[in-house]
Amino acid sequence: MTSETVAPKLIIEVLNEQGLRNIEAEQWDELSRNSLDNNPFYGRSFILAGLNTIDRASGLRAVIIRSSDKSQLLGMFPFRLRRFPLMRAVAATNLYQFCSQPLIHRDYSDAVIAAWTDALETKQFPHRWSFPHLDLTSRFAQRLSHLAMNKSLRCLPLANYSRARLTRSSRNFAEHLSSTVSKSRVKDIQRSLRRLEELGEVRFERATDPALVTQRIEQFLAVEHAGWKGTAGTSFQSNAEHARFAREAFSHNGGQTCVDSLLLDGSPIALSVNLRSGETIFTPKCAYDESYRKYSPGLVLEYLIVEAFYASDDCTDMDSSTTVDGHVIQSLWNADAPMGTLVVGPQNWGTNCIAQLHTFSRTARQRAKALHRDVVSQAQGIARTWRRHVQRLNINIFVGGTGLFQTLEHLLPRAI
């Protein structure tokens, strides 16, 4: 703990890494279950798994807000300090955290947000914040913008991309297919499903039992590492610390994880690792066995996940946890959430500067990616052109050589 102040009926603290580890487990879990906006990436198991592995010594801190008697944890805003070009707090994310929505108890949300903004104004912690990968229509974003109107604060939403969501806007699976998914896509997936059924027994499974979840997580890690991510060195198992993080974050988190699998004769050929928060299931990681690539097992699994969604009342919606536009899942799910960075700070040039920095950085990254794609495309074009030249050269050599031998066969007997 580095500082403490008393707001009306609430206590605000800034915790360092050790302070985060010392938060009472029951209070943290209770806050996660009753948060204004669901965010499993700020759940206790996920944060602690990071602190034990990939986030060790990363400077992770958190503003927490408690009831006056400290019996309830009512708010949590994990962050890291950034000092250039201006001092600011950046809501915590890492390679596997795809949402920076703070945990705020829904029954005390206005009081918690007001206490946080009061402390922001009095500079009890950095008075400029940015929240990356935030749903800009979330209840937190809406209430914060409303409260900021009565304070000397500026809220600048910077839209970056759309994230696919699955909601119950359709009455059933059949209606969902007819209203959301193209007929050609449905036919392709159903054809792939029939072709898989010709190979053996095909079954959809949602694993929730802790032992089975642990088994499926290990199988997911193996399948992911055997594919293109393993080749590229970006799979969990490509780095021992990342693999350990995955096991701690997903396998031992008090029932928060479930794993959806497409099973062929009992063995998973596609898996989706899910995190449940409130009534929402988040789907941050998936992988499929690339030896079955021609059967599109990943798409078949997503198709069956949507079917299972409408067949039960297990959850009210699903969040794809994607961080880019144009993900293939957007053609199967029926809603989108506008995602981006929310910049909050005093109404002055510094807050505007932080917002402009985010915009510039995103534009630069997009241009770099576009340039990379162009370079790769040009290199592939050159390679294809040279391959055609070589193929023609080989053919010409072969034809010429064959003609030469035929000529010699006719001339040599006469010369002899």
Protein backbone atom coordinates (compact mmCIF):
# COMPACT_ATOMS: atom_id res chain seq x y z
CA MET A 1 0.00 0.00 0.00
CA THR A 2 1.39 3.38 -0.99
CA SER A 3 -1.35 5.85 -0.07
CA GLU A 4 -4.78 6.05 1.50
CA THR A 5 -7.52 8.65 1.71
CA VAL A 6 -11.08 8.70 2.99
CA ALA A 7 -13.88 9.76 0.61
CA PRO A 8 -17.51 10.09 1.77
CA LYS A 9 -18.37 6.64 3.13
CA LEU A 10 -15.66 5.08 0.98
CA ILE A 11 -11.96 4.40 1.39
CA ILE A 12 -9.60 4.76 -1.55
CA GLU A 13 -6.21 3.01 -1.60
CA VAL A 14 -3.41 2.69 -4.12
CA LEU A 15 -1.87 -0.77 -3.93
CA ASN A 16 1.42 -2.03 -5.30
CA GLU A 17 2.00 -5.62 -6.44
CA GLN A 18 2.26 -7.01 -2.93
CA GLY A 19 -0.85 -5.13 -1.90
CA LEU A 20 -2.74 -6.76 -4.77
CA ARG A 21 -1.61 -10.19 -3.62
CA ASN A 22 -2.91 -9.44 -0.12
CA ILE A 23 -6.48 -8.54 -1.14
CA GLU A 24 -8.95 -10.87 0.55
CA ALA A 25 -9.90 -13.58 -1.94
CA GLU A 26 -13.56 -13.63 -0.94
CA GLN A 27 -13.94 -9.86 -1.36
CA TRP A 28 -12.23 -9.88 -4.77
CA ASP A 29 -14.34 -12.77 -6.04
CA GLU A 30 -17.52 -11.16 -4.75
CA LEU A 31 -16.70 -7.93 -6.60
CA SER A 32 -16.04 -9.88 -9.82
CA ARG A 33 -19.41 -11.63 -9.55
CA ASN A 34 -21.28 -8.35 -9.01
CA SER A 35 -19.38 -5.97 -11.27
CA LEU A 36 -21.22 -3.26 -13.20
CA ASP A 37 -19.54 -4.49 -16.40
CA ASN A 38 -18.18 -8.01 -16.70
CA ASN A 39 -14.41 -8.42 -17.06
CA PRO A 40 -12.86 -11.83 -16.34
CA PHE A 41 -9.39 -10.46 -17.18
CA TYR A 42 -9.42 -8.55 -13.88
CA GLY A 43 -10.55 -11.60 -11.95
CA ARG A 44 -8.35 -12.74 -9.07
CA SER A 45 -6.96 -15.88 -10.75
CA PHE A 46 -6.12 -14.05 -13.98
CA ILE A 47 -4.35 -11.11 -12.28
CA LEU A 48 -2.41 -13.33 -9.88
CA ALA A 49 -1.41 -15.71 -12.68
CA GLY A 50 0.08 -12.70 -14.45
CA LEU A 51 1.91 -11.51 -11.33
CA ASN A 52 3.40 -14.98 -10.93
CA THR A 53 4.63 -15.14 -14.52
CA ILE A 54 4.47 -12.67 -17.41
CA ASP A 55 3.63 -9.59 -15.31
CA ARG A 56 6.23 -10.19 -12.63
CA ALA A 57 8.02 -6.92 -11.78
CA SER A 58 5.95 -5.07 -14.41
CA GLY A 59 4.96 -2.30 -12.02
CA LEU A 60 1.32 -3.35 -11.79
CA ARG A 61 -0.68 -1.30 -9.31
CA ALA A 62 -4.34 -0.75 -8.56
CA VAL A 63 -6.65 1.87 -7.17
CA ILE A 64 -9.12 0.04 -4.96
CA ILE A 65 -12.21 1.42 -3.29
CA ARG A 66 -13.64 -0.13 -0.13
CA SER A 67 -16.63 0.44 2.10
CA SER A 68 -16.01 2.65 5.12
CA ASP A 69 -15.57 -0.37 7.42
CA LYS A 70 -13.36 -2.16 4.83
CA SER A 71 -15.68 -5.15 4.85
CA GLN A 72 -16.46 -4.83 1.11
CA LEU A 73 -14.32 -4.31 -1.94
CA LEU A 74 -16.40 -2.02 -4.16
CA GLY A 75 -14.04 -0.97 -6.93
CA MET A 76 -10.76 -1.97 -8.59
CA PHE A 77 -8.81 -0.03 -11.26
CA PRO A 78 -5.57 -1.92 -12.10
CA PHE A 79 -3.00 0.24 -13.89
CA ARG A 80 0.62 0.89 -14.78
CA LEU A 81 2.38 4.24 -14.75
CA ARG A 82 3.65 5.77 -17.97
CA ARG A 83 5.89 8.82 -17.71
CA PHE A 84 6.43 9.80 -21.36
CA PRO A 85 5.44 12.20 -22.79
CA LEU A 86 3.23 13.02 -19.74
CA MET A 87 2.65 11.20 -16.48
CA ARG A 88 -0.46 9.06 -16.81
CA ALA A 89 -2.01 5.79 -15.69
CA VAL A 90 -2.76 3.16 -18.32
CA ALA A 91 -5.37 0.61 -17.31
CA ALA A 92 -3.71 -2.79 -17.12
CA THR A 93 -3.54 -5.08 -20.14
CA ASN A 94 -1.09 -7.70 -21.33
CA LEU A 95 -0.85 -10.09 -24.30
CA TYR A 96 -3.81 -12.06 -22.96
CA GLN A 97 -5.92 -9.33 -21.32
CA PHE A 98 -8.37 -8.01 -23.89
CA CYS A 99 -10.45 -5.65 -21.75
CA SER A 100 -9.55 -2.87 -19.27
CA GLN A 101 -13.05 -2.43 -17.85
CA PRO A 102 -12.59 -1.62 -14.14
CA LEU A 103 -14.41 -3.76 -11.60
CA ILE A 104 -17.12 -1.64 -9.99
CA HIS A 105 -19.81 -3.06 -7.73
CA ARG A 106 -23.12 -2.57 -9.52
CA ASP A 107 -24.98 -1.64 -6.30
CA TYR A 108 -22.57 1.24 -5.54
CA SER A 109 -21.47 2.19 -9.04
CA ASP A 110 -22.23 5.91 -8.99
CA ALA A 111 -20.62 6.39 -5.57
CA VAL A 112 -17.52 4.42 -6.61
CA ILE A 113 -17.09 6.31 -9.90
CA ALA A 114 -17.66 9.63 -8.12
CA ALA A 115 -15.07 8.77 -5.47
CA TRP A 116 -12.58 7.78 -8.19
CA THR A 117 -13.12 11.01 -10.14
CA ASP A 118 -12.83 13.07 -6.93
CA ALA A 119 -9.47 11.47 -6.21
CA LEU A 120 -8.50 12.05 -9.84
CA GLU A 121 -9.17 15.76 -9.52
CA THR A 122 -7.22 16.06 -6.27
CA LYS A 123 -4.27 14.19 -7.83
CA GLN A 124 -4.11 11.45 -5.21
CA PHE A 125 -2.91 9.30 -8.11
CA PRO A 126 -2.16 10.21 -11.75
CA HIS A 127 -4.89 12.56 -12.93
CA ARG A 128 -4.74 11.39 -16.54
CA TRP A 129 -5.85 7.86 -17.46
CA SER A 130 -6.32 5.84 -20.59
CA PHE A 131 -8.40 2.67 -20.81
CA PRO A 132 -7.44 0.51 -23.85
CA HIS A 133 -9.73 -2.19 -25.26
CA LEU A 134 -12.77 -0.68 -23.56
CA ASP A 135 -16.37 -1.07 -24.71
CA LEU A 136 -17.23 2.56 -25.39
CA THR A 137 -20.93 1.87 -24.81
CA SER A 138 -20.34 0.11 -21.47
CA ARG A 139 -22.16 1.28 -18.37
CA PHE A 140 -18.87 2.48 -16.89
CA ALA A 141 -18.11 4.64 -19.95
CA GLN A 142 -21.62 6.07 -20.01
CA ARG A 143 -21.79 6.89 -16.30
CA LEU A 144 -18.28 8.30 -16.24
CA SER A 145 -19.10 10.60 -19.17
CA HIS A 146 -22.25 11.75 -17.38
CA LEU A 147 -20.41 12.46 -14.13
CA ALA A 148 -17.59 14.23 -15.95
CA MET A 149 -20.07 16.79 -17.27
CA ASN A 150 -20.44 18.12 -13.72
CA LYS A 151 -16.70 18.13 -13.07
CA SER A 152 -13.66 19.68 -14.68
CA LEU A 153 -12.85 16.39 -16.41
CA ARG A 154 -12.68 15.45 -20.06
CA CYS A 155 -13.62 12.02 -21.43
CA LEU A 156 -12.36 11.35 -24.94
CA PRO A 157 -13.54 8.07 -26.52
CA LEU A 158 -11.29 6.97 -29.37
CA ALA A 159 -13.04 4.28 -31.40
CA ASN A 160 -10.63 1.71 -32.85
CA TYR A 161 -12.50 -1.43 -33.92
CA SER A 162 -15.67 -3.49 -33.48
CA ARG A 163 -15.79 -6.61 -31.34
CA ALA A 164 -18.21 -9.39 -32.25
CA ARG A 165 -20.80 -10.34 -29.65
CA LEU A 166 -23.49 -13.00 -29.57
CA THR A 167 -26.83 -11.95 -28.08
CA ARG A 168 -30.30 -13.45 -27.85
CA SER A 169 -31.79 -11.05 -30.38
CA SER A 170 -33.05 -14.05 -32.35
CA ARG A 171 -35.64 -16.43 -30.90
CA ASN A 172 -33.77 -19.61 -31.81
CA PHE A 173 -30.82 -21.02 -33.72
CA ALA A 174 -32.70 -21.38 -37.02
CA GLU A 175 -33.80 -17.74 -36.93
CA HIS A 176 -30.27 -16.68 -36.08
CA LEU A 177 -28.89 -18.50 -39.13
CA SER A 178 -31.46 -17.02 -41.48
CA SER A 179 -31.03 -13.46 -40.19
CA THR A 180 -27.27 -13.35 -39.51
CA VAL A 181 -25.27 -15.94 -41.45
CA SER A 182 -25.09 -16.06 -45.23
CA LYS A 183 -26.67 -19.10 -46.88
CA SER A 184 -23.41 -19.99 -48.60
CA ARG A 185 -21.53 -19.92 -45.28
CA VAL A 186 -24.15 -22.14 -43.64
CA LYS A 187 -23.97 -24.64 -46.53
CA ASP A 188 -20.17 -24.71 -46.40
CA ILE A 189 -20.10 -25.37 -42.65
CA GLN A 190 -22.81 -28.03 -42.80
CA ARG A 191 -20.93 -29.72 -45.66
CA SER A 192 -17.74 -29.71 -43.58
CA LEU A 193 -19.67 -31.18 -40.64
CA ARG A 194 -21.01 -34.01 -42.81
CA ARG A 195 -17.53 -34.74 -44.16
CA LEU A 196 -16.18 -34.95 -40.61
CA GLU A 197 -18.99 -37.33 -39.66
CA GLU A 198 -17.79 -39.62 -42.43
CA LEU A 199 -14.49 -39.93 -40.52
CA GLY A 200 -16.00 -40.90 -37.17
CA GLU A 201 -18.23 -39.78 -34.32
CA VAL A 202 -18.46 -35.98 -34.13
CA ARG A 203 -19.61 -34.36 -30.91
CA PHE A 204 -19.71 -30.91 -29.30
CA GLU A 205 -18.61 -30.70 -25.66
CA ARG A 206 -18.61 -27.90 -23.11
CA ALA A 207 -16.26 -28.92 -20.30
CA THR A 208 -16.88 -27.36 -16.88
CA ASP A 209 -15.66 -30.08 -14.51
CA PRO A 210 -12.29 -28.90 -13.10
CA ALA A 211 -10.44 -32.12 -13.94
CA LEU A 212 -11.78 -32.19 -17.50
CA VAL A 213 -11.05 -28.47 -17.94
CA THR A 214 -7.42 -29.08 -16.91
CA GLN A 215 -7.18 -31.95 -19.41
CA ARG A 216 -8.68 -29.86 -22.22
CA ILE A 217 -6.35 -26.94 -21.44
CA GLU A 218 -3.35 -29.24 -21.86
CA GLN A 219 -4.79 -30.50 -25.15
CA PHE A 220 -5.44 -26.93 -26.27
CA LEU A 221 -1.81 -25.99 -25.53
CA ALA A 222 -0.58 -28.97 -27.54
CA VAL A 223 -2.87 -28.29 -30.52
CA GLU A 224 -1.97 -24.60 -30.57
CA HIS A 225 1.76 -25.32 -30.41
CA ALA A 226 1.53 -27.89 -33.22
CA GLY A 227 0.06 -25.28 -35.57
CA TRP A 228 1.22 -22.05 -37.16
CA LYS A 229 1.55 -20.29 -33.81
CA GLY A 230 4.11 -22.84 -32.70
CA THR A 231 6.00 -22.35 -35.97
CA ALA A 232 5.89 -18.56 -35.50
CA GLY A 233 6.93 -18.83 -31.84
CA THR A 234 3.75 -17.18 -30.54
CA SER A 235 2.01 -20.18 -28.96
CA PHE A 236 1.81 -20.45 -25.19
CA GLN A 237 4.21 -23.40 -25.18
CA SER A 238 6.82 -21.44 -27.15
CA ASN A 239 7.69 -19.76 -23.84
CA ALA A 240 7.73 -21.57 -20.51
CA GLU A 241 6.49 -18.53 -18.56
CA HIS A 242 3.56 -18.05 -20.95
CA ALA A 243 2.64 -21.72 -20.72
CA ARG A 244 2.71 -21.48 -16.94
CA PHE A 245 0.53 -18.38 -17.11
CA ALA A 246 -2.04 -20.23 -19.24
CA ARG A 247 -2.21 -23.13 -16.81
CA GLU A 248 -2.62 -20.85 -13.78
CA ALA A 249 -5.06 -18.44 -15.43
CA PHE A 250 -7.31 -21.04 -17.03
CA SER A 251 -7.00 -24.33 -15.16
CA HIS A 252 -7.28 -23.30 -11.51
CA ASN A 253 -9.68 -20.36 -11.32
CA GLY A 254 -12.60 -21.52 -9.27
CA GLY A 255 -14.83 -22.67 -12.11
CA GLN A 256 -14.49 -19.51 -14.19
CA THR A 257 -13.12 -21.43 -17.20
CA CYS A 258 -15.07 -23.69 -19.51
CA VAL A 259 -13.67 -25.25 -22.68
CA ASP A 260 -15.75 -25.87 -25.80
CA SER A 261 -14.44 -28.67 -28.01
CA LEU A 262 -15.21 -30.30 -31.32
CA LEU A 263 -14.55 -33.98 -30.65
CA LEU A 264 -13.82 -36.57 -33.32
CA ASP A 265 -14.04 -40.07 -31.86
CA GLY A 266 -13.54 -38.52 -28.42
CA SER A 267 -10.43 -36.46 -29.26
CA PRO A 268 -10.58 -32.66 -29.65
CA ILE A 269 -9.73 -31.34 -33.11
CA ALA A 270 -10.80 -27.75 -32.28
CA LEU A 271 -10.98 -26.05 -28.89
CA SER A 272 -12.18 -22.70 -27.55
CA VAL A 273 -11.01 -21.61 -24.10
CA ASN A 274 -13.70 -19.51 -22.42
CA LEU A 275 -13.87 -17.34 -19.33
CA ARG A 276 -17.18 -16.73 -17.63
CA SER A 277 -17.94 -13.44 -15.87
CA GLY A 278 -21.47 -12.89 -14.62
CA GLU A 279 -23.87 -13.87 -17.39
CA THR A 280 -21.29 -13.35 -20.16
CA ILE A 281 -18.91 -15.92 -21.62
CA PHE A 282 -15.70 -14.49 -23.09
CA THR A 283 -13.81 -16.52 -25.72
CA PRO A 284 -10.19 -15.28 -25.64
CA LYS A 285 -8.38 -18.30 -27.12
CA CYS A 286 -9.06 -20.96 -29.72
CA ALA A 287 -7.05 -23.47 -31.78
CA TYR A 288 -7.67 -26.31 -34.18
CA ASP A 289 -5.77 -29.35 -35.40
CA GLU A 290 -4.29 -28.22 -38.71
CA SER A 291 -4.17 -31.76 -40.05
CA TYR A 292 -7.96 -31.36 -40.43
CA ARG A 293 -7.70 -27.95 -42.06
CA LYS A 294 -9.69 -28.94 -45.18
CA TYR A 295 -12.69 -29.71 -42.92
CA SER A 296 -12.71 -26.18 -41.37
CA PRO A 297 -12.93 -27.54 -37.80
CA GLY A 298 -12.66 -24.06 -36.25
CA LEU A 299 -15.71 -22.79 -38.13
CA VAL A 300 -17.61 -25.99 -37.40
CA LEU A 301 -16.91 -25.52 -33.69
CA GLU A 302 -18.10 -21.90 -33.77
CA TYR A 303 -21.27 -23.03 -35.56
CA LEU A 304 -21.93 -25.60 -32.82
CA ILE A 305 -21.16 -23.03 -30.11
CA VAL A 306 -23.88 -20.75 -31.49
CA GLU A 307 -26.26 -23.72 -31.66
CA ALA A 308 -25.50 -24.58 -28.01
CA PHE A 309 -25.98 -20.93 -27.03
CA TYR A 310 -29.59 -21.00 -28.23
CA ALA A 311 -30.23 -24.51 -26.93
CA SER A 312 -29.63 -23.51 -23.29
CA ASP A 313 -29.93 -20.54 -20.97
CA ASP A 314 -26.39 -20.97 -19.65
CA CYS A 315 -25.51 -17.36 -20.42
CA THR A 316 -27.15 -14.21 -21.79
CA ASP A 317 -24.41 -13.24 -24.23
CA MET A 318 -20.91 -14.04 -25.45
CA ASP A 319 -17.93 -11.77 -26.09
CA SER A 320 -15.40 -12.77 -28.77
CA SER A 321 -12.47 -10.93 -27.07
CA THR A 322 -11.08 -9.99 -30.49
CA THR A 323 -8.91 -6.90 -30.92
CA VAL A 324 -9.21 -6.26 -34.68
CA ASP A 325 -11.93 -5.67 -37.25
CA GLY A 326 -12.89 -8.30 -39.79
CA HIS A 327 -12.47 -11.42 -37.65
CA VAL A 328 -14.18 -14.44 -39.21
CA ILE A 329 -16.40 -14.83 -36.15
CA GLN A 330 -18.17 -11.58 -37.06
CA SER A 331 -19.88 -13.45 -39.90
CA LEU A 332 -21.39 -15.92 -37.41
CA TRP A 333 -22.36 -13.73 -34.45
CA ASN A 334 -25.13 -11.15 -34.48
CA ALA A 335 -23.88 -8.01 -32.71
CA ASP A 336 -20.89 -5.73 -32.38
CA ALA A 337 -19.48 -3.58 -29.58
CA PRO A 338 -17.52 -0.41 -30.45
CA MET A 339 -14.13 -0.88 -28.82
CA GLY A 340 -11.43 1.69 -28.30
CA THR A 341 -9.41 3.72 -25.84
CA LEU A 342 -11.08 6.04 -23.35
CA VAL A 343 -8.85 8.93 -22.28
CA VAL A 344 -9.81 10.71 -19.05
CA GLY A 345 -8.19 13.75 -17.51
CA PRO A 346 -8.45 17.46 -16.74
CA GLN A 347 -9.81 19.78 -19.40
CA ASN A 348 -6.48 21.02 -20.69
CA TRP A 349 -3.92 20.50 -23.43
CA GLY A 350 -2.28 17.56 -21.64
CA THR A 351 -5.35 15.35 -21.90
CA ASN A 352 -5.73 16.30 -25.56
CA CYS A 353 -2.05 15.46 -26.09
CA ILE A 354 -2.53 11.96 -24.64
CA ALA A 355 -5.53 11.39 -26.91
CA GLN A 356 -3.60 12.59 -29.95
CA LEU A 357 -0.69 10.33 -29.00
CA HIS A 358 -3.03 7.30 -28.96
CA THR A 359 -4.49 8.27 -32.32
CA PHE A 360 -1.05 8.81 -33.86
CA SER A 361 0.29 5.51 -32.48
CA ARG A 362 -2.67 3.54 -33.82
CA THR A 363 -2.41 5.19 -37.24
CA ALA A 364 1.33 4.45 -37.35
CA ARG A 365 0.73 0.79 -36.46
CA GLN A 366 -1.96 0.45 -39.12
CA ARG A 367 0.31 1.97 -41.76
CA ALA A 368 3.17 -0.29 -40.71
CA LYS A 369 0.92 -3.35 -41.00
CA ALA A 370 -0.34 -2.18 -44.41
CA LEU A 371 3.25 -1.63 -45.56
CA HIS A 372 4.21 -5.07 -44.29
CA ARG A 373 1.31 -6.64 -46.17
CA ASP A 374 2.29 -4.75 -49.34
CA VAL A 375 5.93 -5.86 -49.04
CA VAL A 376 4.88 -9.47 -48.44
CA SER A 377 2.44 -9.31 -51.34
CA GLN A 378 5.10 -7.87 -53.65
CA ALA A 379 7.63 -10.49 -52.54
CA GLN A 380 5.09 -13.24 -53.19
CA GLY A 381 4.36 -11.75 -56.62
CA ILE A 382 8.05 -11.66 -57.50
CA ALA A 383 8.45 -15.24 -56.26
CA ARG A 384 5.51 -16.41 -58.39
CA THR A 385 6.90 -14.60 -61.47
CA TRP A 386 10.36 -16.17 -61.04
CA ARG A 387 8.80 -19.57 -60.49
CA ARG A 388 6.92 -19.26 -63.79
CA HIS A 389 10.14 -18.15 -65.54
CA VAL A 390 12.05 -21.09 -64.11
CA GLN A 391 9.27 -23.48 -65.05
CA ARG A 392 9.24 -22.16 -68.63
CA LEU A 393 13.05 -22.33 -68.75
CA ASN A 394 13.00 -25.91 -67.55
CA ILE A 395 10.39 -26.79 -70.15
CA ASN A 396 12.40 -25.10 -72.91
CA ILE A 397 15.56 -26.90 -71.82
CA PHE A 398 13.73 -30.20 -71.69
CA VAL A 399 12.10 -29.70 -75.11
CA GLY A 400 15.36 -28.45 -76.61
CA GLY A 401 17.32 -31.34 -75.17
CA THR A 402 14.76 -33.85 -76.39
CA GLY A 403 14.90 -32.33 -79.89
CA LEU A 404 18.70 -32.46 -79.88
CA PHE A 405 18.74 -36.15 -78.99
CA GLN A 406 16.15 -36.94 -81.65
CA THR A 407 18.25 -35.11 -84.27
CA LEU A 408 21.39 -36.99 -83.23
CA GLU A 409 19.51 -40.29 -83.42
CA HIS A 410 18.70 -39.57 -87.08
CA LEU A 411 22.10 -38.13 -88.12
CA LEU A 412 24.54 -40.44 -86.36
CA PRO A 413 23.64 -43.62 -88.32
CA ARG A 414 24.14 -41.77 -91.61
CA ALA A 415 27.47 -40.33 -90.48
CA ILE A 416 28.71 -43.77 -89.46
